[in-house]
Amino acid sequence: MVLSAIGGAINAIVSAIASIIMIIVSVIVTIIVTIFDVIFDIICCNCFGGRNRRTGTHRYRFGSRGGGY
């Protein structure tokens, strides 16, 4: 009975630590992907003349302030 309670507590602690590590890795990967997404959008806009470019899930408009597309 006591060993079962101790095992359950250890299991809960390990699960909580694993969840925290997974969240941290997910945030780091999201930041890296966003940085590369912005870099590729800038490269595409510089190569293809300031038009709307869409890569990934974001939309950036460089080189035109208002007006038409």
PDB file of N, CA and C in Angstrom:
ATOM      1  N   MET A   1       0.827  -1.196   0.000  1.00  0.00           N
ATOM      2  CA  MET A   1       0.000   0.000   0.000  1.00  0.00           C
ATOM      3  C   MET A   1       0.865   1.252   0.000  1.00  0.00           C
ATOM      4  N   VAL A   2       1.853   1.295   0.886  1.00  0.00           N
ATOM      5  CA  VAL A   2       2.738   2.460   0.962  1.00  0.00           C
ATOM      6  C   VAL A   2       3.593   2.543  -0.303  1.00  0.00           C
ATOM      7  N   LEU A   3       4.095   1.409  -0.767  1.00  0.00           N
ATOM      8  CA  LEU A   3       4.906   1.407  -1.982  1.00  0.00           C
ATOM      9  C   LEU A   3       4.098   1.838  -3.194  1.00  0.00           C
ATOM     10  N   SER A   4       2.846   1.472  -3.243  1.00  0.00           N
ATOM     11  CA  SER A   4       1.978   1.879  -4.344  1.00  0.00           C
ATOM     12  C   SER A   4       1.789   3.395  -4.343  1.00  0.00           C
ATOM     13  N   ALA A   5       1.619   3.980  -3.168  1.00  0.00           N
ATOM     14  CA  ALA A   5       1.463   5.436  -3.075  1.00  0.00           C
ATOM     15  C   ALA A   5       2.747   6.143  -3.488  1.00  0.00           C
ATOM     16  N   ILE A   6       3.886   5.618  -3.058  1.00  0.00           N
ATOM     17  CA  ILE A   6       5.165   6.221  -3.439  1.00  0.00           C
ATOM     18  C   ILE A   6       5.376   6.102  -4.947  1.00  0.00           C
ATOM     19  N   GLY A   7       5.048   4.952  -5.513  1.00  0.00           N
ATOM     20  CA  GLY A   7       5.165   4.771  -6.964  1.00  0.00           C
ATOM     21  C   GLY A   7       4.271   5.715  -7.739  1.00  0.00           C
ATOM     22  N   GLY A   8       3.056   5.920  -7.246  1.00  0.00           N
ATOM     23  CA  GLY A   8       2.147   6.861  -7.897  1.00  0.00           C
ATOM     24  C   GLY A   8       2.664   8.281  -7.847  1.00  0.00           C
ATOM     25  N   ALA A   9       3.251   8.662  -6.701  1.00  0.00           N
ATOM     26  CA  ALA A   9       3.798  10.015  -6.571  1.00  0.00           C
ATOM     27  C   ALA A   9       4.982  10.218  -7.507  1.00  0.00           C
ATOM     28  N   ILE A  10       5.850   9.218  -7.588  1.00  0.00           N
ATOM     29  CA  ILE A  10       7.000   9.319  -8.500  1.00  0.00           C
ATOM     30  C   ILE A  10       6.524   9.398  -9.942  1.00  0.00           C
ATOM     31  N   ASN A  11       5.533   8.614 -10.274  1.00  0.00           N
ATOM     32  CA  ASN A  11       4.975   8.645 -11.621  1.00  0.00           C
ATOM     33  C   ASN A  11       4.403  10.024 -11.944  1.00  0.00           C
ATOM     34  N   ALA A  12       3.695  10.625 -11.018  1.00  0.00           N
ATOM     35  CA  ALA A  12       3.125  11.955 -11.238  1.00  0.00           C
ATOM     36  C   ALA A  12       4.216  13.003 -11.424  1.00  0.00           C
ATOM     37  N   ILE A  13       5.281  12.914 -10.632  1.00  0.00           N
ATOM     38  CA  ILE A  13       6.374  13.879 -10.743  1.00  0.00           C
ATOM     39  C   ILE A  13       7.076  13.746 -12.090  1.00  0.00           C
ATOM     40  N   VAL A  14       7.354  12.506 -12.496  1.00  0.00           N
ATOM     41  CA  VAL A  14       8.018  12.282 -13.787  1.00  0.00           C
ATOM     42  C   VAL A  14       7.132  12.769 -14.932  1.00  0.00           C
ATOM     43  N   SER A  15       5.844  12.525 -14.849  1.00  0.00           N
ATOM     44  CA  SER A  15       4.926  12.989 -15.902  1.00  0.00           C
ATOM     45  C   SER A  15       4.897  14.511 -15.971  1.00  0.00           C
ATOM     46  N   ALA A  16       4.902  15.181 -14.830  1.00  0.00           N
ATOM     47  CA  ALA A  16       4.891  16.642 -14.815  1.00  0.00           C
ATOM     48  C   ALA A  16       6.174  17.199 -15.424  1.00  0.00           C
ATOM     49  N   ILE A  17       7.304  16.607 -15.080  1.00  0.00           N
ATOM     50  CA  ILE A  17       8.581  17.063 -15.641  1.00  0.00           C
ATOM     51  C   ILE A  17       8.605  16.839 -17.148  1.00  0.00           C
ATOM     52  N   ALA A  18       8.117  15.688 -17.603  1.00  0.00           N
ATOM     53  CA  ALA A  18       8.080  15.411 -19.045  1.00  0.00           C
ATOM     54  C   ALA A  18       7.178  16.407 -19.774  1.00  0.00           C
ATOM     55  N   SER A  19       6.062  16.765 -19.164  1.00  0.00           N
ATOM     56  CA  SER A  19       5.163  17.741 -19.789  1.00  0.00           C
ATOM     57  C   SER A  19       5.833  19.101 -19.911  1.00  0.00           C
ATOM     58  N   ILE A  20       6.538  19.505 -18.879  1.00  0.00           N
ATOM     59  CA  ILE A  20       7.229  20.796 -18.917  1.00  0.00           C
ATOM     60  C   ILE A  20       8.305  20.794 -20.003  1.00  0.00           C
ATOM     61  N   ILE A  21       9.065  19.702 -20.103  1.00  0.00           N
ATOM     62  CA  ILE A  21      10.105  19.611 -21.125  1.00  0.00           C
ATOM     63  C   ILE A  21       9.487  19.653 -22.521  1.00  0.00           C
ATOM     64  N   MET A  22       8.370  18.967 -22.711  1.00  0.00           N
ATOM     65  CA  MET A  22       7.708  18.981 -24.021  1.00  0.00           C
ATOM     66  C   MET A  22       7.214  20.379 -24.381  1.00  0.00           C
ATOM     67  N   ILE A  23       6.699  21.108 -23.410  1.00  0.00           N
ATOM     68  CA  ILE A  23       6.238  22.478 -23.665  1.00  0.00           C
ATOM     69  C   ILE A  23       7.412  23.369 -24.046  1.00  0.00           C
ATOM     70  N   ILE A  24       8.528  23.238 -23.332  1.00  0.00           N
ATOM     71  CA  ILE A  24       9.707  24.058 -23.628  1.00  0.00           C
ATOM     72  C   ILE A  24      10.226  23.758 -25.031  1.00  0.00           C
ATOM     73  N   VAL A  25      10.320  22.487 -25.395  1.00  0.00           N
ATOM     74  CA  VAL A  25      10.785  22.125 -26.736  1.00  0.00           C
ATOM     75  C   VAL A  25       9.833  22.652 -27.803  1.00  0.00           C
ATOM     76  N   SER A  26       8.546  22.569 -27.557  1.00  0.00           N
ATOM     77  CA  SER A  26       7.566  23.067 -28.515  1.00  0.00           C
ATOM     78  C   SER A  26       7.712  24.569 -28.732  1.00  0.00           C
ATOM     79  N   VAL A  27       7.919  25.312 -27.655  1.00  0.00           N
ATOM     80  CA  VAL A  27       8.083  26.764 -27.775  1.00  0.00           C
ATOM     81  C   VAL A  27       9.357  27.092 -28.547  1.00  0.00           C
ATOM     82  N   ILE A  28      10.448  26.389 -28.261  1.00  0.00           N
ATOM     83  CA  ILE A  28      11.710  26.649 -28.955  1.00  0.00           C
ATOM     84  C   ILE A  28      11.572  26.352 -30.446  1.00  0.00           C
ATOM     85  N   VAL A  29      10.930  25.244 -30.780  1.00  0.00           N
ATOM     86  CA  VAL A  29      10.743  24.895 -32.196  1.00  0.00           C
ATOM     87  C   VAL A  29       9.859  25.927 -32.895  1.00  0.00           C
ATOM     88  N   THR A  30       8.811  26.388 -32.219  1.00  0.00           N
ATOM     89  CA  THR A  30       7.934  27.404 -32.805  1.00  0.00           C
ATOM     90  C   THR A  30       8.702  28.695 -33.077  1.00  0.00           C
ATOM     91  N   ILE A  31       9.556  29.103 -32.147  1.00  0.00           N
ATOM     92  CA  ILE A  31      10.344  30.320 -32.338  1.00  0.00           C
ATOM     93  C   ILE A  31      11.304  30.160 -33.514  1.00  0.00           C
ATOM     94  N   ILE A  32      11.975  29.014 -33.601  1.00  0.00           N
ATOM     95  CA  ILE A  32      12.920  28.786 -34.703  1.00  0.00           C
ATOM     96  C   ILE A  32      12.202  28.787 -36.044  1.00  0.00           C
ATOM     97  N   VAL A  33      11.056  28.114 -36.118  1.00  0.00           N
ATOM     98  CA  VAL A  33      10.298  28.074 -37.376  1.00  0.00           C
ATOM     99  C   VAL A  33       9.828  29.470 -37.766  1.00  0.00           C
ATOM    100  N   THR A  34       9.398  30.267 -36.798  1.00  0.00           N
ATOM    101  CA  THR A  34       8.954  31.632 -37.090  1.00  0.00           C
ATOM    102  C   THR A  34      10.108  32.481 -37.607  1.00  0.00           C
ATOM    103  N   ILE A  35      11.288  32.346 -37.003  1.00  0.00           N
ATOM    104  CA  ILE A  35      12.443  33.111 -37.465  1.00  0.00           C
ATOM    105  C   ILE A  35      12.786  32.741 -38.896  1.00  0.00           C
ATOM    106  N   PHE A  36      12.835  31.445 -39.206  1.00  0.00           N
ATOM    107  CA  PHE A  36      13.126  31.034 -40.584  1.00  0.00           C
ATOM    108  C   PHE A  36      12.039  31.482 -41.548  1.00  0.00           C
ATOM    109  N   ASP A  37      10.791  31.490 -41.106  1.00  0.00           N
ATOM    110  CA  ASP A  37       9.681  31.943 -41.945  1.00  0.00           C
ATOM    111  C   ASP A  37       9.862  33.408 -42.310  1.00  0.00           C
ATOM    112  N   VAL A  38      10.225  34.236 -41.339  1.00  0.00           N
ATOM    113  CA  VAL A  38      10.449  35.660 -41.601  1.00  0.00           C
ATOM    114  C   VAL A  38      11.638  35.852 -42.535  1.00  0.00           C
ATOM    115  N   ILE A  39      12.726  35.112 -42.306  1.00  0.00           N
ATOM    116  CA  ILE A  39      13.907  35.237 -43.163  1.00  0.00           C
ATOM    117  C   ILE A  39      13.574  34.856 -44.604  1.00  0.00           C
ATOM    118  N   PHE A  40      12.846  33.750 -44.794  1.00  0.00           N
ATOM    119  CA  PHE A  40      12.494  33.343 -46.158  1.00  0.00           C
ATOM    120  C   PHE A  40      11.550  34.339 -46.815  1.00  0.00           C
ATOM    121  N   ASP A  41      10.643  34.935 -46.037  1.00  0.00           N
ATOM    122  CA  ASP A  41       9.768  35.956 -46.610  1.00  0.00           C
ATOM    123  C   ASP A  41      10.567  37.170 -47.058  1.00  0.00           C
ATOM    124  N   ILE A  42      11.547  37.577 -46.262  1.00  0.00           N
ATOM    125  CA  ILE A  42      12.375  38.720 -46.643  1.00  0.00           C
ATOM    126  C   ILE A  42      13.173  38.395 -47.898  1.00  0.00           C
ATOM    127  N   ILE A  43      13.747  37.192 -47.971  1.00  0.00           N
ATOM    128  CA  ILE A  43      14.521  36.792 -49.147  1.00  0.00           C
ATOM    129  C   ILE A  43      13.627  36.752 -50.382  1.00  0.00           C
ATOM    130  N   CYS A  44      12.434  36.199 -50.258  1.00  0.00           N
ATOM    131  CA  CYS A  44      11.525  36.131 -51.401  1.00  0.00           C
ATOM    132  C   CYS A  44      11.130  37.521 -51.875  1.00  0.00           C
ATOM    133  N   CYS A  45      10.863  38.410 -50.955  1.00  0.00           N
ATOM    134  CA  CYS A  45      10.455  39.761 -51.345  1.00  0.00           C
ATOM    135  C   CYS A  45      11.605  40.526 -51.966  1.00  0.00           C
ATOM    136  N   ASN A  46      12.834  40.304 -51.508  1.00  0.00           N
ATOM    137  CA  ASN A  46      13.978  40.965 -52.119  1.00  0.00           C
ATOM    138  C   ASN A  46      14.250  40.412 -53.510  1.00  0.00           C
ATOM    139  N   CYS A  47      14.037  39.131 -53.713  1.00  0.00           N
ATOM    140  CA  CYS A  47      14.319  38.523 -55.017  1.00  0.00           C
ATOM    141  C   CYS A  47      13.223  38.810 -56.032  1.00  0.00           C
ATOM    142  N   PHE A  48      11.987  38.919 -55.588  1.00  0.00           N
ATOM    143  CA  PHE A  48      10.868  39.016 -56.520  1.00  0.00           C
ATOM    144  C   PHE A  48      10.182  40.370 -56.489  1.00  0.00           C
ATOM    145  N   GLY A  49      10.805  41.384 -55.936  1.00  0.00           N
ATOM    146  CA  GLY A  49      10.342  42.752 -56.142  1.00  0.00           C
ATOM    147  C   GLY A  49       9.251  43.256 -55.231  1.00  0.00           C
ATOM    148  N   GLY A  50       9.280  43.028 -53.966  1.00  0.00           N
ATOM    149  CA  GLY A  50       8.405  43.705 -53.026  1.00  0.00           C
ATOM    150  C   GLY A  50       6.934  43.371 -53.136  1.00  0.00           C
ATOM    151  N   ARG A  51       6.598  42.208 -53.620  1.00  0.00           N
ATOM    152  CA  ARG A  51       5.191  41.822 -53.702  1.00  0.00           C
ATOM    153  C   ARG A  51       4.788  41.050 -52.462  1.00  0.00           C
ATOM    154  N   ASN A  52       3.512  40.787 -52.374  1.00  0.00           N
ATOM    155  CA  ASN A  52       3.055  39.952 -51.265  1.00  0.00           C
ATOM    156  C   ASN A  52       3.571  38.538 -51.460  1.00  0.00           C
ATOM    157  N   ARG A  53       4.178  38.007 -50.452  1.00  0.00           N
ATOM    158  CA  ARG A  53       4.644  36.625 -50.497  1.00  0.00           C
ATOM    159  C   ARG A  53       4.071  35.900 -49.299  1.00  0.00           C
ATOM    160  N   ARG A  54       3.749  34.661 -49.490  1.00  0.00           N
ATOM    161  CA  ARG A  54       3.162  33.890 -48.402  1.00  0.00           C
ATOM    162  C   ARG A  54       3.919  32.582 -48.275  1.00  0.00           C
ATOM    163  N   THR A  55       4.579  32.409 -47.106  1.00  0.00           N
ATOM    164  CA  THR A  55       5.220  31.142 -46.816  1.00  0.00           C
ATOM    165  C   THR A  55       4.777  30.731 -45.432  1.00  0.00           C
ATOM    166  N   GLY A  56       4.559  29.480 -45.227  1.00  0.00           N
ATOM    167  CA  GLY A  56       4.132  29.029 -43.905  1.00  0.00           C
ATOM    168  C   GLY A  56       2.736  29.522 -43.601  1.00  0.00           C
ATOM    169  N   THR A  57       2.555  30.104 -42.421  1.00  0.00           N
ATOM    170  CA  THR A  57       1.230  30.523 -41.983  1.00  0.00           C
ATOM    171  C   THR A  57       1.133  32.029 -41.816  1.00  0.00           C
ATOM    172  N   HIS A  58       2.152  32.764 -42.241  1.00  0.00           N
ATOM    173  CA  HIS A  58       2.155  34.204 -42.006  1.00  0.00           C
ATOM    174  C   HIS A  58       2.131  34.945 -43.327  1.00  0.00           C
ATOM    175  N   ARG A  59       1.663  36.172 -43.302  1.00  0.00           N
ATOM    176  CA  ARG A  59       1.651  37.016 -44.490  1.00  0.00           C
ATOM    177  C   ARG A  59       2.350  38.317 -44.131  1.00  0.00           C
ATOM    178  N   TYR A  60       3.325  38.670 -44.957  1.00  0.00           N
ATOM    179  CA  TYR A  60       4.078  39.892 -44.739  1.00  0.00           C
ATOM    180  C   TYR A  60       4.013  40.719 -46.007  1.00  0.00           C
ATOM    181  N   ARG A  61       3.916  42.034 -45.845  1.00  0.00           N
ATOM    182  CA  ARG A  61       3.908  42.928 -46.995  1.00  0.00           C
ATOM    183  C   ARG A  61       5.080  43.871 -46.854  1.00  0.00           C
ATOM    184  N   PHE A  62       6.119  43.651 -47.653  1.00  0.00           N
ATOM    185  CA  PHE A  62       7.274  44.525 -47.663  1.00  0.00           C
ATOM    186  C   PHE A  62       7.269  45.321 -48.955  1.00  0.00           C
ATOM    187  N   GLY A  63       7.700  46.554 -48.889  1.00  0.00           N
ATOM    188  CA  GLY A  63       7.907  47.327 -50.105  1.00  0.00           C
ATOM    189  C   GLY A  63       6.703  48.070 -50.619  1.00  0.00           C
ATOM    190  N   SER A  64       5.551  47.951 -49.997  1.00  0.00           N
ATOM    191  CA  SER A  64       4.389  48.722 -50.468  1.00  0.00           C
ATOM    192  C   SER A  64       3.610  49.174 -49.244  1.00  0.00           C
ATOM    193  N   ARG A  65       3.321  50.463 -49.223  1.00  0.00           N
ATOM    194  CA  ARG A  65       2.594  51.043 -48.096  1.00  0.00           C
ATOM    195  C   ARG A  65       1.195  51.442 -48.537  1.00  0.00           C
ATOM    196  N   GLY A  66       0.234  50.593 -48.326  1.00  0.00           N
ATOM    197  CA  GLY A  66      -1.148  50.924 -48.678  1.00  0.00           C
ATOM    198  C   GLY A  66      -1.377  50.787 -50.163  1.00  0.00           C
ATOM    199  N   GLY A  67      -2.494  51.275 -50.628  1.00  0.00           N
ATOM    200  CA  GLY A  67      -2.809  51.214 -52.054  1.00  0.00           C
ATOM    201  C   GLY A  67      -3.161  49.823 -52.507  1.00  0.00           C
ATOM    202  N   GLY A  68      -3.011  49.608 -53.791  1.00  0.00           N
ATOM    203  CA  GLY A  68      -3.374  48.315 -54.350  1.00  0.00           C
ATOM    204  C   GLY A  68      -2.284  47.297 -54.182  1.00  0.00           C
ATOM    205  N   TYR A  69      -2.575  46.105 -54.659  1.00  0.00           N
ATOM    206  CA  TYR A  69      -1.611  45.014 -54.563  1.00  0.00           C
ATOM    207  C   TYR A  69      -0.739  45.029 -55.771  1.00  0.00           C
TER     208      TYR A  69
END
